Amino acid sequence: IRAVYNGQSLISPSMASKLLSEFAAMIKTKDDRPQLPTPRLTD
């Protein structure tokens, strides 16, 4: 509770591995839908 209150995000370790697997799938997936311009983040 204190960690989240201070701005951290928390995931149980077993679920974090699933999230990383999803990240990998996202990288490989090609989306053919028209893409809106991505908001520009600074370096």
PDB file of all heavy atoms in Angstrom:
ATOM      1  N   ILE A   1       0.841  -1.197   0.000  1.00  0.00           N
ATOM      2  CA  ILE A   1       0.000   0.000   0.000  1.00  0.00           C
ATOM      3  C   ILE A   1       0.874   1.244   0.000  1.00  0.00           C
ATOM      4  O   ILE A   1       0.632   2.200  -0.755  1.00  0.00           O
ATOM      5  CB  ILE A   1      -0.936  -0.004   1.225  1.00  0.00           C
ATOM      6  CG1 ILE A   1      -2.043  -1.048   1.031  1.00  0.00           C
ATOM      7  CG2 ILE A   1      -1.543   1.378   1.461  1.00  0.00           C
ATOM      8  CD1 ILE A   1      -2.903  -1.265   2.262  1.00  0.00           C
ATOM      9  N   ARG A   2       1.901   1.255   0.834  1.00  0.00           N
ATOM     10  CA  ARG A   2       2.793   2.421   0.892  1.00  0.00           C
ATOM     11  C   ARG A   2       3.518   2.615  -0.441  1.00  0.00           C
ATOM     12  O   ARG A   2       3.703   3.747  -0.904  1.00  0.00           O
ATOM     13  CB  ARG A   2       3.807   2.250   2.019  1.00  0.00           C
ATOM     14  CG  ARG A   2       3.188   2.210   3.408  1.00  0.00           C
ATOM     15  CD  ARG A   2       4.260   2.158   4.500  1.00  0.00           C
ATOM     16  NE  ARG A   2       3.662   1.973   5.819  1.00  0.00           N
ATOM     17  CZ  ARG A   2       3.545   0.803   6.437  1.00  0.00           C
ATOM     18  NH1 ARG A   2       4.050  -0.299   5.857  1.00  0.00           N
ATOM     19  NH2 ARG A   2       2.986   0.709   7.624  1.00  0.00           N
ATOM     20  N   ALA A   3       3.942   1.519  -1.051  1.00  0.00           N
ATOM     21  CA  ALA A   3       4.674   1.617  -2.316  1.00  0.00           C
ATOM     22  C   ALA A   3       3.797   2.220  -3.406  1.00  0.00           C
ATOM     23  O   ALA A   3       4.224   3.121  -4.141  1.00  0.00           O
ATOM     24  CB  ALA A   3       5.167   0.233  -2.739  1.00  0.00           C
ATOM     25  N   VAL A   4       2.552   1.753  -3.514  1.00  0.00           N
ATOM     26  CA  VAL A   4       1.651   2.279  -4.532  1.00  0.00           C
ATOM     27  C   VAL A   4       1.293   3.731  -4.225  1.00  0.00           C
ATOM     28  O   VAL A   4       1.211   4.573  -5.128  1.00  0.00           O
ATOM     29  CB  VAL A   4       0.381   1.408  -4.627  1.00  0.00           C
ATOM     30  CG1 VAL A   4      -0.663   2.067  -5.526  1.00  0.00           C
ATOM     31  CG2 VAL A   4       0.740   0.030  -5.163  1.00  0.00           C
ATOM     32  N   TYR A   5       1.087   4.041  -2.964  1.00  0.00           N
ATOM     33  CA  TYR A   5       0.802   5.422  -2.556  1.00  0.00           C
ATOM     34  C   TYR A   5       1.915   6.368  -3.007  1.00  0.00           C
ATOM     35  O   TYR A   5       1.663   7.510  -3.400  1.00  0.00           O
ATOM     36  CB  TYR A   5       0.637   5.489  -1.039  1.00  0.00           C
ATOM     37  CG  TYR A   5       0.341   6.872  -0.500  1.00  0.00           C
ATOM     38  CD1 TYR A   5      -0.939   7.399  -0.530  1.00  0.00           C
ATOM     39  CD2 TYR A   5       1.363   7.650   0.058  1.00  0.00           C
ATOM     40  CE1 TYR A   5      -1.210   8.668  -0.030  1.00  0.00           C
ATOM     41  CE2 TYR A   5       1.104   8.911   0.560  1.00  0.00           C
ATOM     42  CZ  TYR A   5      -0.187   9.417   0.514  1.00  0.00           C
ATOM     43  OH  TYR A   5      -0.436  10.680   1.001  1.00  0.00           O
ATOM     44  N   ASN A   6       3.150   5.852  -2.992  1.00  0.00           N
ATOM     45  CA  ASN A   6       4.309   6.660  -3.389  1.00  0.00           C
ATOM     46  C   ASN A   6       4.618   6.577  -4.880  1.00  0.00           C
ATOM     47  O   ASN A   6       5.672   7.017  -5.321  1.00  0.00           O
ATOM     48  CB  ASN A   6       5.542   6.245  -2.574  1.00  0.00           C
ATOM     49  CG  ASN A   6       5.457   6.710  -1.131  1.00  0.00           C
ATOM     50  OD1 ASN A   6       5.083   7.836  -0.862  1.00  0.00           O
ATOM     51  ND2 ASN A   6       5.787   5.833  -0.194  1.00  0.00           N
ATOM     52  N   GLY A   7       3.707   5.995  -5.644  1.00  0.00           N
ATOM     53  CA  GLY A   7       3.837   6.048  -7.095  1.00  0.00           C
ATOM     54  C   GLY A   7       4.389   4.829  -7.776  1.00  0.00           C
ATOM     55  O   GLY A   7       4.578   4.824  -8.995  1.00  0.00           O
ATOM     56  N   GLN A   8       4.660   3.763  -7.021  1.00  0.00           N
ATOM     57  CA  GLN A   8       5.186   2.549  -7.639  1.00  0.00           C
ATOM     58  C   GLN A   8       4.056   1.676  -8.175  1.00  0.00           C
ATOM     59  O   GLN A   8       2.920   1.748  -7.710  1.00  0.00           O
ATOM     60  CB  GLN A   8       6.007   1.742  -6.626  1.00  0.00           C
ATOM     61  CG  GLN A   8       7.254   2.460  -6.134  1.00  0.00           C
ATOM     62  CD  GLN A   8       8.071   1.596  -5.214  1.00  0.00           C
ATOM     63  OE1 GLN A   8       8.230   0.400  -5.439  1.00  0.00           O
ATOM     64  NE2 GLN A   8       8.604   2.179  -4.159  1.00  0.00           N
ATOM     65  N   SER A   9       4.377   0.859  -9.164  1.00  0.00           N
ATOM     66  CA  SER A   9       3.440  -0.132  -9.679  1.00  0.00           C
ATOM     67  C   SER A   9       3.918  -1.502  -9.241  1.00  0.00           C
ATOM     68  O   SER A   9       5.112  -1.791  -9.267  1.00  0.00           O
ATOM     69  CB  SER A   9       3.381  -0.072 -11.211  1.00  0.00           C
ATOM     70  OG  SER A   9       2.890   1.176 -11.640  1.00  0.00           O
ATOM     71  N   LEU A  10       2.985  -2.350  -8.823  1.00  0.00           N
ATOM     72  CA  LEU A  10       3.359  -3.650  -8.282  1.00  0.00           C
ATOM     73  C   LEU A  10       2.629  -4.778  -9.000  1.00  0.00           C
ATOM     74  O   LEU A  10       1.428  -4.678  -9.253  1.00  0.00           O
ATOM     75  CB  LEU A  10       3.020  -3.723  -6.783  1.00  0.00           C
ATOM     76  CG  LEU A  10       3.731  -2.727  -5.865  1.00  0.00           C
ATOM     77  CD1 LEU A  10       3.189  -2.856  -4.455  1.00  0.00           C
ATOM     78  CD2 LEU A  10       5.228  -2.964  -5.872  1.00  0.00           C
ATOM     79  N   ILE A  11       3.357  -5.838  -9.332  1.00  0.00           N
ATOM     80  CA  ILE A  11       2.759  -7.028  -9.912  1.00  0.00           C
ATOM     81  C   ILE A  11       3.375  -8.242  -9.234  1.00  0.00           C
ATOM     82  O   ILE A  11       4.596  -8.305  -9.051  1.00  0.00           O
ATOM     83  CB  ILE A  11       3.023  -7.126 -11.429  1.00  0.00           C
ATOM     84  CG1 ILE A  11       2.626  -5.847 -12.146  1.00  0.00           C
ATOM     85  CG2 ILE A  11       2.254  -8.304 -12.019  1.00  0.00           C
ATOM     86  CD1 ILE A  11       2.887  -5.892 -13.641  1.00  0.00           C
ATOM     87  N   SER A  12       2.535  -9.201  -8.861  1.00  0.00           N
ATOM     88  CA  SER A  12       3.066 -10.447  -8.301  1.00  0.00           C
ATOM     89  C   SER A  12       4.033 -11.077  -9.299  1.00  0.00           C
ATOM     90  O   SER A  12       3.777 -11.057 -10.511  1.00  0.00           O
ATOM     91  CB  SER A  12       1.925 -11.419  -8.001  1.00  0.00           C
ATOM     92  OG  SER A  12       1.177 -10.976  -6.888  1.00  0.00           O
ATOM     93  N   PRO A  13       5.153 -11.633  -8.834  1.00  0.00           N
ATOM     94  CA  PRO A  13       6.178 -12.169  -9.741  1.00  0.00           C
ATOM     95  C   PRO A  13       5.641 -13.130 -10.788  1.00  0.00           C
ATOM     96  O   PRO A  13       6.031 -13.075 -11.956  1.00  0.00           O
ATOM     97  CB  PRO A  13       7.144 -12.871  -8.776  1.00  0.00           C
ATOM     98  CG  PRO A  13       7.009 -12.110  -7.503  1.00  0.00           C
ATOM     99  CD  PRO A  13       5.561 -11.724  -7.422  1.00  0.00           C
ATOM    100  N   SER A  14       4.731 -14.028 -10.399  1.00  0.00           N
ATOM    101  CA  SER A  14       4.207 -14.993 -11.363  1.00  0.00           C
ATOM    102  C   SER A  14       3.416 -14.314 -12.465  1.00  0.00           C
ATOM    103  O   SER A  14       3.375 -14.778 -13.613  1.00  0.00           O
ATOM    104  CB  SER A  14       3.332 -16.026 -10.655  1.00  0.00           C
ATOM    105  OG  SER A  14       2.232 -15.396 -10.021  1.00  0.00           O
ATOM    106  N   MET A  15       2.791 -13.177 -12.146  1.00  0.00           N
ATOM    107  CA  MET A  15       2.026 -12.439 -13.142  1.00  0.00           C
ATOM    108  C   MET A  15       2.941 -11.555 -13.986  1.00  0.00           C
ATOM    109  O   MET A  15       2.672 -11.294 -15.158  1.00  0.00           O
ATOM    110  CB  MET A  15       0.951 -11.586 -12.468  1.00  0.00           C
ATOM    111  CG  MET A  15      -0.070 -12.384 -11.678  1.00  0.00           C
ATOM    112  SD  MET A  15      -0.930 -13.629 -12.667  1.00  0.00           S
ATOM    113  CE  MET A  15      -1.905 -12.601 -13.760  1.00  0.00           C
ATOM    114  N   ALA A  16       4.039 -11.091 -13.399  1.00  0.00           N
ATOM    115  CA  ALA A  16       4.972 -10.244 -14.138  1.00  0.00           C
ATOM    116  C   ALA A  16       5.560 -10.995 -15.329  1.00  0.00           C
ATOM    117  O   ALA A  16       5.746 -10.425 -16.413  1.00  0.00           O
ATOM    118  CB  ALA A  16       6.091  -9.770 -13.214  1.00  0.00           C
ATOM    119  N   SER A  17       5.828 -12.289 -15.160  1.00  0.00           N
ATOM    120  CA  SER A  17       6.378 -13.067 -16.270  1.00  0.00           C
ATOM    121  C   SER A  17       5.375 -13.153 -17.416  1.00  0.00           C
ATOM    122  O   SER A  17       5.751 -13.125 -18.588  1.00  0.00           O
ATOM    123  CB  SER A  17       6.758 -14.468 -15.792  1.00  0.00           C
ATOM    124  OG  SER A  17       5.617 -15.173 -15.327  1.00  0.00           O
ATOM    125  N   LYS A  18       4.091 -13.235 -17.083  1.00  0.00           N
ATOM    126  CA  LYS A  18       3.060 -13.268 -18.120  1.00  0.00           C
ATOM    127  C   LYS A  18       2.990 -11.930 -18.840  1.00  0.00           C
ATOM    128  O   LYS A  18       2.767 -11.870 -20.053  1.00  0.00           O
ATOM    129  CB  LYS A  18       1.706 -13.620 -17.502  1.00  0.00           C
ATOM    130  CG  LYS A  18       1.656 -15.019 -16.905  1.00  0.00           C
ATOM    131  CD  LYS A  18       0.276 -15.346 -16.368  1.00  0.00           C
ATOM    132  CE  LYS A  18       0.234 -16.754 -15.787  1.00  0.00           C
ATOM    133  NZ  LYS A  18      -1.101 -17.143 -15.315  1.00  0.00           N
ATOM    134  N   LEU A  19       3.180 -10.847 -18.078  1.00  0.00           N
ATOM    135  CA  LEU A  19       3.139  -9.517 -18.684  1.00  0.00           C
ATOM    136  C   LEU A  19       4.302  -9.343 -19.651  1.00  0.00           C
ATOM    137  O   LEU A  19       4.144  -8.803 -20.752  1.00  0.00           O
ATOM    138  CB  LEU A  19       3.186  -8.443 -17.588  1.00  0.00           C
ATOM    139  CG  LEU A  19       2.952  -6.999 -18.031  1.00  0.00           C
ATOM    140  CD1 LEU A  19       1.584  -6.849 -18.680  1.00  0.00           C
ATOM    141  CD2 LEU A  19       3.083  -6.054 -16.857  1.00  0.00           C
ATOM    142  N   LEU A  20       5.479  -9.813 -19.269  1.00  0.00           N
ATOM    143  CA  LEU A  20       6.641  -9.707 -20.149  1.00  0.00           C
ATOM    144  C   LEU A  20       6.450 -10.548 -21.411  1.00  0.00           C
ATOM    145  O   LEU A  20       6.885 -10.162 -22.498  1.00  0.00           O
ATOM    146  CB  LEU A  20       7.910 -10.145 -19.407  1.00  0.00           C
ATOM    147  CG  LEU A  20       8.374  -9.194 -18.299  1.00  0.00           C
ATOM    148  CD1 LEU A  20       9.571  -9.784 -17.565  1.00  0.00           C
ATOM    149  CD2 LEU A  20       8.731  -7.823 -18.861  1.00  0.00           C
ATOM    150  N   SER A  21       5.793 -11.691 -21.265  1.00  0.00           N
ATOM    151  CA  SER A  21       5.500 -12.510 -22.444  1.00  0.00           C
ATOM    152  C   SER A  21       4.576 -11.766 -23.397  1.00  0.00           C
ATOM    153  O   SER A  21       4.726 -11.824 -24.620  1.00  0.00           O
ATOM    154  CB  SER A  21       4.848 -13.834 -22.020  1.00  0.00           C
ATOM    155  OG  SER A  21       5.742 -14.594 -21.240  1.00  0.00           O
ATOM    156  N   GLU A  22       3.630 -11.048 -22.820  1.00  0.00           N
ATOM    157  CA  GLU A  22       2.713 -10.263 -23.647  1.00  0.00           C
ATOM    158  C   GLU A  22       3.460  -9.135 -24.345  1.00  0.00           C
ATOM    159  O   GLU A  22       3.198  -8.816 -25.503  1.00  0.00           O
ATOM    160  CB  GLU A  22       1.587  -9.697 -22.784  1.00  0.00           C
ATOM    161  CG  GLU A  22       0.594  -8.812 -23.533  1.00  0.00           C
ATOM    162  CD  GLU A  22      -0.240  -9.580 -24.545  1.00  0.00           C
ATOM    163  OE1 GLU A  22      -0.177 -10.821 -24.565  1.00  0.00           O
ATOM    164  OE2 GLU A  22      -0.953  -8.935 -25.329  1.00  0.00           O
ATOM    165  N   PHE A  23       4.413  -8.526 -23.642  1.00  0.00           N
ATOM    166  CA  PHE A  23       5.240  -7.486 -24.260  1.00  0.00           C
ATOM    167  C   PHE A  23       5.952  -8.045 -25.493  1.00  0.00           C
ATOM    168  O   PHE A  23       5.987  -7.407 -26.545  1.00  0.00           O
ATOM    169  CB  PHE A  23       6.301  -6.975 -23.273  1.00  0.00           C
ATOM    170  CG  PHE A  23       5.750  -6.066 -22.206  1.00  0.00           C
ATOM    171  CD1 PHE A  23       6.480  -5.837 -21.054  1.00  0.00           C
ATOM    172  CD2 PHE A  23       4.529  -5.445 -22.352  1.00  0.00           C
ATOM    173  CE1 PHE A  23       5.995  -5.000 -20.057  1.00  0.00           C
ATOM    174  CE2 PHE A  23       4.026  -4.613 -21.361  1.00  0.00           C
ATOM    175  CZ  PHE A  23       4.771  -4.393 -20.213  1.00  0.00           C
ATOM    176  N   ALA A  24       6.542  -9.226 -25.332  1.00  0.00           N
ATOM    177  CA  ALA A  24       7.266  -9.838 -26.452  1.00  0.00           C
ATOM    178  C   ALA A  24       6.334 -10.083 -27.634  1.00  0.00           C
ATOM    179  O   ALA A  24       6.702  -9.868 -28.791  1.00  0.00           O
ATOM    180  CB  ALA A  24       7.900 -11.156 -25.999  1.00  0.00           C
ATOM    181  N   ALA A  25       5.111 -10.516 -27.327  1.00  0.00           N
ATOM    182  CA  ALA A  25       4.138 -10.760 -28.400  1.00  0.00           C
ATOM    183  C   ALA A  25       3.765  -9.453 -29.092  1.00  0.00           C
ATOM    184  O   ALA A  25       3.579  -9.402 -30.310  1.00  0.00           O
ATOM    185  CB  ALA A  25       2.890 -11.427 -27.825  1.00  0.00           C
ATOM    186  N   MET A  26       3.658  -8.381 -28.308  1.00  0.00           N
ATOM    187  CA  MET A  26       3.329  -7.079 -28.883  1.00  0.00           C
ATOM    188  C   MET A  26       4.396  -6.614 -29.869  1.00  0.00           C
ATOM    189  O   MET A  26       4.104  -6.036 -30.917  1.00  0.00           O
ATOM    190  CB  MET A  26       3.194  -6.032 -27.769  1.00  0.00           C
ATOM    191  CG  MET A  26       1.919  -6.146 -26.955  1.00  0.00           C
ATOM    192  SD  MET A  26       1.910  -4.905 -25.656  1.00  0.00           S
ATOM    193  CE  MET A  26       0.317  -5.227 -24.910  1.00  0.00           C
ATOM    194  N   ILE A  27       5.655  -6.872 -29.505  1.00  0.00           N
ATOM    195  CA  ILE A  27       6.754  -6.440 -30.368  1.00  0.00           C
ATOM    196  C   ILE A  27       6.680  -7.144 -31.719  1.00  0.00           C
ATOM    197  O   ILE A  27       6.966  -6.568 -32.767  1.00  0.00           O
ATOM    198  CB  ILE A  27       8.108  -6.723 -29.674  1.00  0.00           C
ATOM    199  CG1 ILE A  27       8.252  -5.829 -28.436  1.00  0.00           C
ATOM    200  CG2 ILE A  27       9.265  -6.484 -30.629  1.00  0.00           C
ATOM    201  CD1 ILE A  27       9.452  -6.159 -27.588  1.00  0.00           C
ATOM    202  N   LYS A  28       6.297  -8.430 -31.715  1.00  0.00           N
ATOM    203  CA  LYS A  28       6.277  -9.224 -32.932  1.00  0.00           C
ATOM    204  C   LYS A  28       5.010  -9.010 -33.764  1.00  0.00           C
ATOM    205  O   LYS A  28       4.977  -9.284 -34.950  1.00  0.00           O
ATOM    206  CB  LYS A  28       6.404 -10.707 -32.583  1.00  0.00           C
ATOM    207  CG  LYS A  28       7.741 -11.056 -31.938  1.00  0.00           C
ATOM    208  CD  LYS A  28       7.772 -12.514 -31.530  1.00  0.00           C
ATOM    209  CE  LYS A  28       9.093 -12.858 -30.835  1.00  0.00           C
ATOM    210  NZ  LYS A  28       9.122 -14.257 -30.374  1.00  0.00           N
ATOM    211  N   THR A  29       3.950  -8.535 -33.101  1.00  0.00           N
ATOM    212  CA  THR A  29       2.670  -8.392 -33.789  1.00  0.00           C
ATOM    213  C   THR A  29       2.652  -7.142 -34.663  1.00  0.00           C
ATOM    214  O   THR A  29       3.029  -6.063 -34.222  1.00  0.00           O
ATOM    215  CB  THR A  29       1.517  -8.308 -32.763  1.00  0.00           C
ATOM    216  OG1 THR A  29       1.503  -9.508 -31.999  1.00  0.00           O
ATOM    217  CG2 THR A  29       0.178  -8.147 -33.475  1.00  0.00           C
ATOM    218  N   LYS A  30       2.190  -7.301 -35.875  1.00  0.00           N
ATOM    219  CA  LYS A  30       2.054  -6.162 -36.770  1.00  0.00           C
ATOM    220  C   LYS A  30       0.587  -5.807 -36.895  1.00  0.00           C
ATOM    221  O   LYS A  30      -0.238  -6.625 -37.280  1.00  0.00           O
ATOM    222  CB  LYS A  30       2.627  -6.490 -38.148  1.00  0.00           C
ATOM    223  CG  LYS A  30       4.133  -6.693 -38.144  1.00  0.00           C
ATOM    224  CD  LYS A  30       4.669  -6.914 -39.539  1.00  0.00           C
ATOM    225  CE  LYS A  30       6.184  -7.081 -39.518  1.00  0.00           C
ATOM    226  NZ  LYS A  30       6.733  -7.313 -40.868  1.00  0.00           N
ATOM    227  N   ASP A  31       0.285  -4.565 -36.601  1.00  0.00           N
ATOM    228  CA  ASP A  31      -1.102  -4.098 -36.638  1.00  0.00           C
ATOM    229  C   ASP A  31      -1.311  -3.361 -37.947  1.00  0.00           C
ATOM    230  O   ASP A  31      -0.644  -2.375 -38.241  1.00  0.00           O
ATOM    231  CB  ASP A  31      -1.356  -3.179 -35.439  1.00  0.00           C
ATOM    232  CG  ASP A  31      -2.835  -2.906 -35.248  1.00  0.00           C
ATOM    233  OD1 ASP A  31      -3.623  -3.187 -36.179  1.00  0.00           O
ATOM    234  OD2 ASP A  31      -3.201  -2.404 -34.175  1.00  0.00           O
ATOM    235  N   ASP A  32      -2.258  -3.840 -38.763  1.00  0.00           N
ATOM    236  CA  ASP A  32      -2.510  -3.230 -40.065  1.00  0.00           C
ATOM    237  C   ASP A  32      -3.477  -2.057 -40.007  1.00  0.00           C
ATOM    238  O   ASP A  32      -3.726  -1.401 -41.015  1.00  0.00           O
ATOM    239  CB  ASP A  32      -3.089  -4.284 -41.032  1.00  0.00           C
ATOM    240  CG  ASP A  32      -2.082  -5.387 -41.305  1.00  0.00           C
ATOM    241  OD1 ASP A  32      -0.870  -5.078 -41.285  1.00  0.00           O
ATOM    242  OD2 ASP A  32      -2.514  -6.538 -41.521  1.00  0.00           O
ATOM    243  N   ARG A  33      -4.036  -1.797 -38.833  1.00  0.00           N
ATOM    244  CA  ARG A  33      -4.980  -0.684 -38.746  1.00  0.00           C
ATOM    245  C   ARG A  33      -4.245   0.641 -38.874  1.00  0.00           C
ATOM    246  O   ARG A  33      -3.084   0.753 -38.469  1.00  0.00           O
ATOM    247  CB  ARG A  33      -5.716  -0.726 -37.396  1.00  0.00           C
ATOM    248  CG  ARG A  33      -6.647  -1.921 -37.247  1.00  0.00           C
ATOM    249  CD  ARG A  33      -7.181  -1.991 -35.839  1.00  0.00           C
ATOM    250  NE  ARG A  33      -6.107  -2.141 -34.869  1.00  0.00           N
ATOM    251  CZ  ARG A  33      -6.296  -2.141 -33.553  1.00  0.00           C
ATOM    252  NH1 ARG A  33      -7.501  -1.985 -33.063  1.00  0.00           N
ATOM    253  NH2 ARG A  33      -5.272  -2.280 -32.735  1.00  0.00           N
ATOM    254  N   PRO A  34      -4.939   1.695 -39.405  1.00  0.00           N
ATOM    255  CA  PRO A  34      -4.303   3.016 -39.488  1.00  0.00           C
ATOM    256  C   PRO A  34      -3.882   3.487 -38.099  1.00  0.00           C
ATOM    257  O   PRO A  34      -4.648   3.380 -37.149  1.00  0.00           O
ATOM    258  CB  PRO A  34      -5.425   3.900 -40.056  1.00  0.00           C
ATOM    259  CG  PRO A  34      -6.349   2.954 -40.738  1.00  0.00           C
ATOM    260  CD  PRO A  34      -6.284   1.677 -39.963  1.00  0.00           C
ATOM    261  N   GLN A  35      -2.664   3.969 -38.000  1.00  0.00           N
ATOM    262  CA  GLN A  35      -2.139   4.401 -36.706  1.00  0.00           C
ATOM    263  C   GLN A  35      -2.243   5.913 -36.551  1.00  0.00           C
ATOM    264  O   GLN A  35      -1.931   6.666 -37.465  1.00  0.00           O
ATOM    265  CB  GLN A  35      -0.664   3.976 -36.564  1.00  0.00           C
ATOM    266  CG  GLN A  35      -0.449   2.464 -36.581  1.00  0.00           C
ATOM    267  CD  GLN A  35      -1.046   1.805 -35.356  1.00  0.00           C
ATOM    268  OE1 GLN A  35      -0.884   2.279 -34.237  1.00  0.00           O
ATOM    269  NE2 GLN A  35      -1.756   0.719 -35.573  1.00  0.00           N
ATOM    270  N   LEU A  36      -2.699   6.338 -35.374  1.00  0.00           N
ATOM    271  CA  LEU A  36      -2.716   7.762 -35.081  1.00  0.00           C
ATOM    272  C   LEU A  36      -1.301   8.212 -34.736  1.00  0.00           C
ATOM    273  O   LEU A  36      -0.479   7.412 -34.275  1.00  0.00           O
ATOM    274  CB  LEU A  36      -3.642   8.042 -33.890  1.00  0.00           C
ATOM    275  CG  LEU A  36      -5.127   7.716 -34.118  1.00  0.00           C
ATOM    276  CD1 LEU A  36      -5.900   7.922 -32.816  1.00  0.00           C
ATOM    277  CD2 LEU A  36      -5.705   8.585 -35.233  1.00  0.00           C
ATOM    278  N   PRO A  37      -0.974   9.474 -34.961  1.00  0.00           N
ATOM    279  CA  PRO A  37       0.369   9.955 -34.601  1.00  0.00           C
ATOM    280  C   PRO A  37       0.652   9.711 -33.125  1.00  0.00           C
ATOM    281  O   PRO A  37      -0.195   9.960 -32.272  1.00  0.00           O
ATOM    282  CB  PRO A  37       0.283  11.464 -34.916  1.00  0.00           C
ATOM    283  CG  PRO A  37      -0.824  11.587 -35.911  1.00  0.00           C
ATOM    284  CD  PRO A  37      -1.803  10.516 -35.566  1.00  0.00           C
ATOM    285  N   THR A  38       1.814   9.179 -32.835  1.00  0.00           N
ATOM    286  CA  THR A  38       2.191   8.911 -31.451  1.00  0.00           C
ATOM    287  C   THR A  38       2.630  10.197 -30.769  1.00  0.00           C
ATOM    288  O   THR A  38       3.453  10.929 -31.316  1.00  0.00           O
ATOM    289  CB  THR A  38       3.356   7.901 -31.411  1.00  0.00           C
ATOM    290  OG1 THR A  38       2.954   6.696 -32.058  1.00  0.00           O
ATOM    291  CG2 THR A  38       3.744   7.596 -29.968  1.00  0.00           C
ATOM    292  N   PRO A  39       2.093  10.503 -29.577  1.00  0.00           N
ATOM    293  CA  PRO A  39       2.530  11.706 -28.864  1.00  0.00           C
ATOM    294  C   PRO A  39       4.043  11.680 -28.669  1.00  0.00           C
ATOM    295  O   PRO A  39       4.609  10.641 -28.329  1.00  0.00           O
ATOM    296  CB  PRO A  39       1.794  11.609 -27.528  1.00  0.00           C
ATOM    297  CG  PRO A  39       0.606  10.746 -27.810  1.00  0.00           C
ATOM    298  CD  PRO A  39       1.058   9.761 -28.846  1.00  0.00           C
ATOM    299  N   ARG A  40       4.687  12.806 -28.873  1.00  0.00           N
ATOM    300  CA  ARG A  40       6.139  12.861 -28.810  1.00  0.00           C
ATOM    301  C   ARG A  40       6.617  13.021 -27.373  1.00  0.00           C
ATOM    302  O   ARG A  40       6.244  13.958 -26.682  1.00  0.00           O
ATOM    303  CB  ARG A  40       6.660  14.019 -29.669  1.00  0.00           C
ATOM    304  CG  ARG A  40       8.178  14.072 -29.740  1.00  0.00           C
ATOM    305  CD  ARG A  40       8.651  15.124 -30.722  1.00  0.00           C
ATOM    306  NE  ARG A  40      10.092  15.162 -30.804  1.00  0.00           N
ATOM    307  CZ  ARG A  40      10.822  14.337 -31.531  1.00  0.00           C
ATOM    308  NH1 ARG A  40      10.231  13.408 -32.246  1.00  0.00           N
ATOM    309  NH2 ARG A  40      12.134  14.427 -31.572  1.00  0.00           N
ATOM    310  N   LEU A  41       7.444  12.085 -26.938  1.00  0.00           N
ATOM    311  CA  LEU A  41       8.065  12.173 -25.624  1.00  0.00           C
ATOM    312  C   LEU A  41       9.472  12.724 -25.776  1.00  0.00           C
ATOM    313  O   LEU A  41      10.149  12.451 -26.768  1.00  0.00           O
ATOM    314  CB  LEU A  41       8.124  10.794 -24.963  1.00  0.00           C
ATOM    315  CG  LEU A  41       6.799  10.060 -24.732  1.00  0.00           C
ATOM    316  CD1 LEU A  41       7.052   8.718 -24.056  1.00  0.00           C
ATOM    317  CD2 LEU A  41       5.840  10.891 -23.911  1.00  0.00           C
ATOM    318  N   THR A  42       9.916  13.482 -24.791  1.00  0.00           N
ATOM    319  CA  THR A  42      11.272  14.008 -24.820  1.00  0.00           C
ATOM    320  C   THR A  42      12.268  12.870 -24.570  1.00  0.00           C
ATOM    321  O   THR A  42      11.889  11.781 -24.116  1.00  0.00           O
ATOM    322  CB  THR A  42      11.473  15.084 -23.749  1.00  0.00           C
ATOM    323  OG1 THR A  42      11.365  14.467 -22.443  1.00  0.00           O
ATOM    324  CG2 THR A  42      10.418  16.179 -23.876  1.00  0.00           C
ATOM    325  N   ASP A  43      13.534  13.123 -24.864  1.00  0.00           N
ATOM    326  CA  ASP A  43      14.565  12.105 -24.625  1.00  0.00           C
ATOM    327  C   ASP A  43      14.607  11.692 -23.151  1.00  0.00           C
ATOM    328  O   ASP A  43      14.754  10.508 -22.826  1.00  0.00           O
ATOM    329  CB  ASP A  43      15.941  12.632 -25.052  1.00  0.00           C
ATOM    330  CG  ASP A  43      16.053  12.779 -26.561  1.00  0.00           C
ATOM    331  OD1 ASP A  43      15.231  12.168 -27.282  1.00  0.00           O
ATOM    332  OD2 ASP A  43      16.941  13.522 -27.024  1.00  0.00           O
TER     333      ASP A  43
END
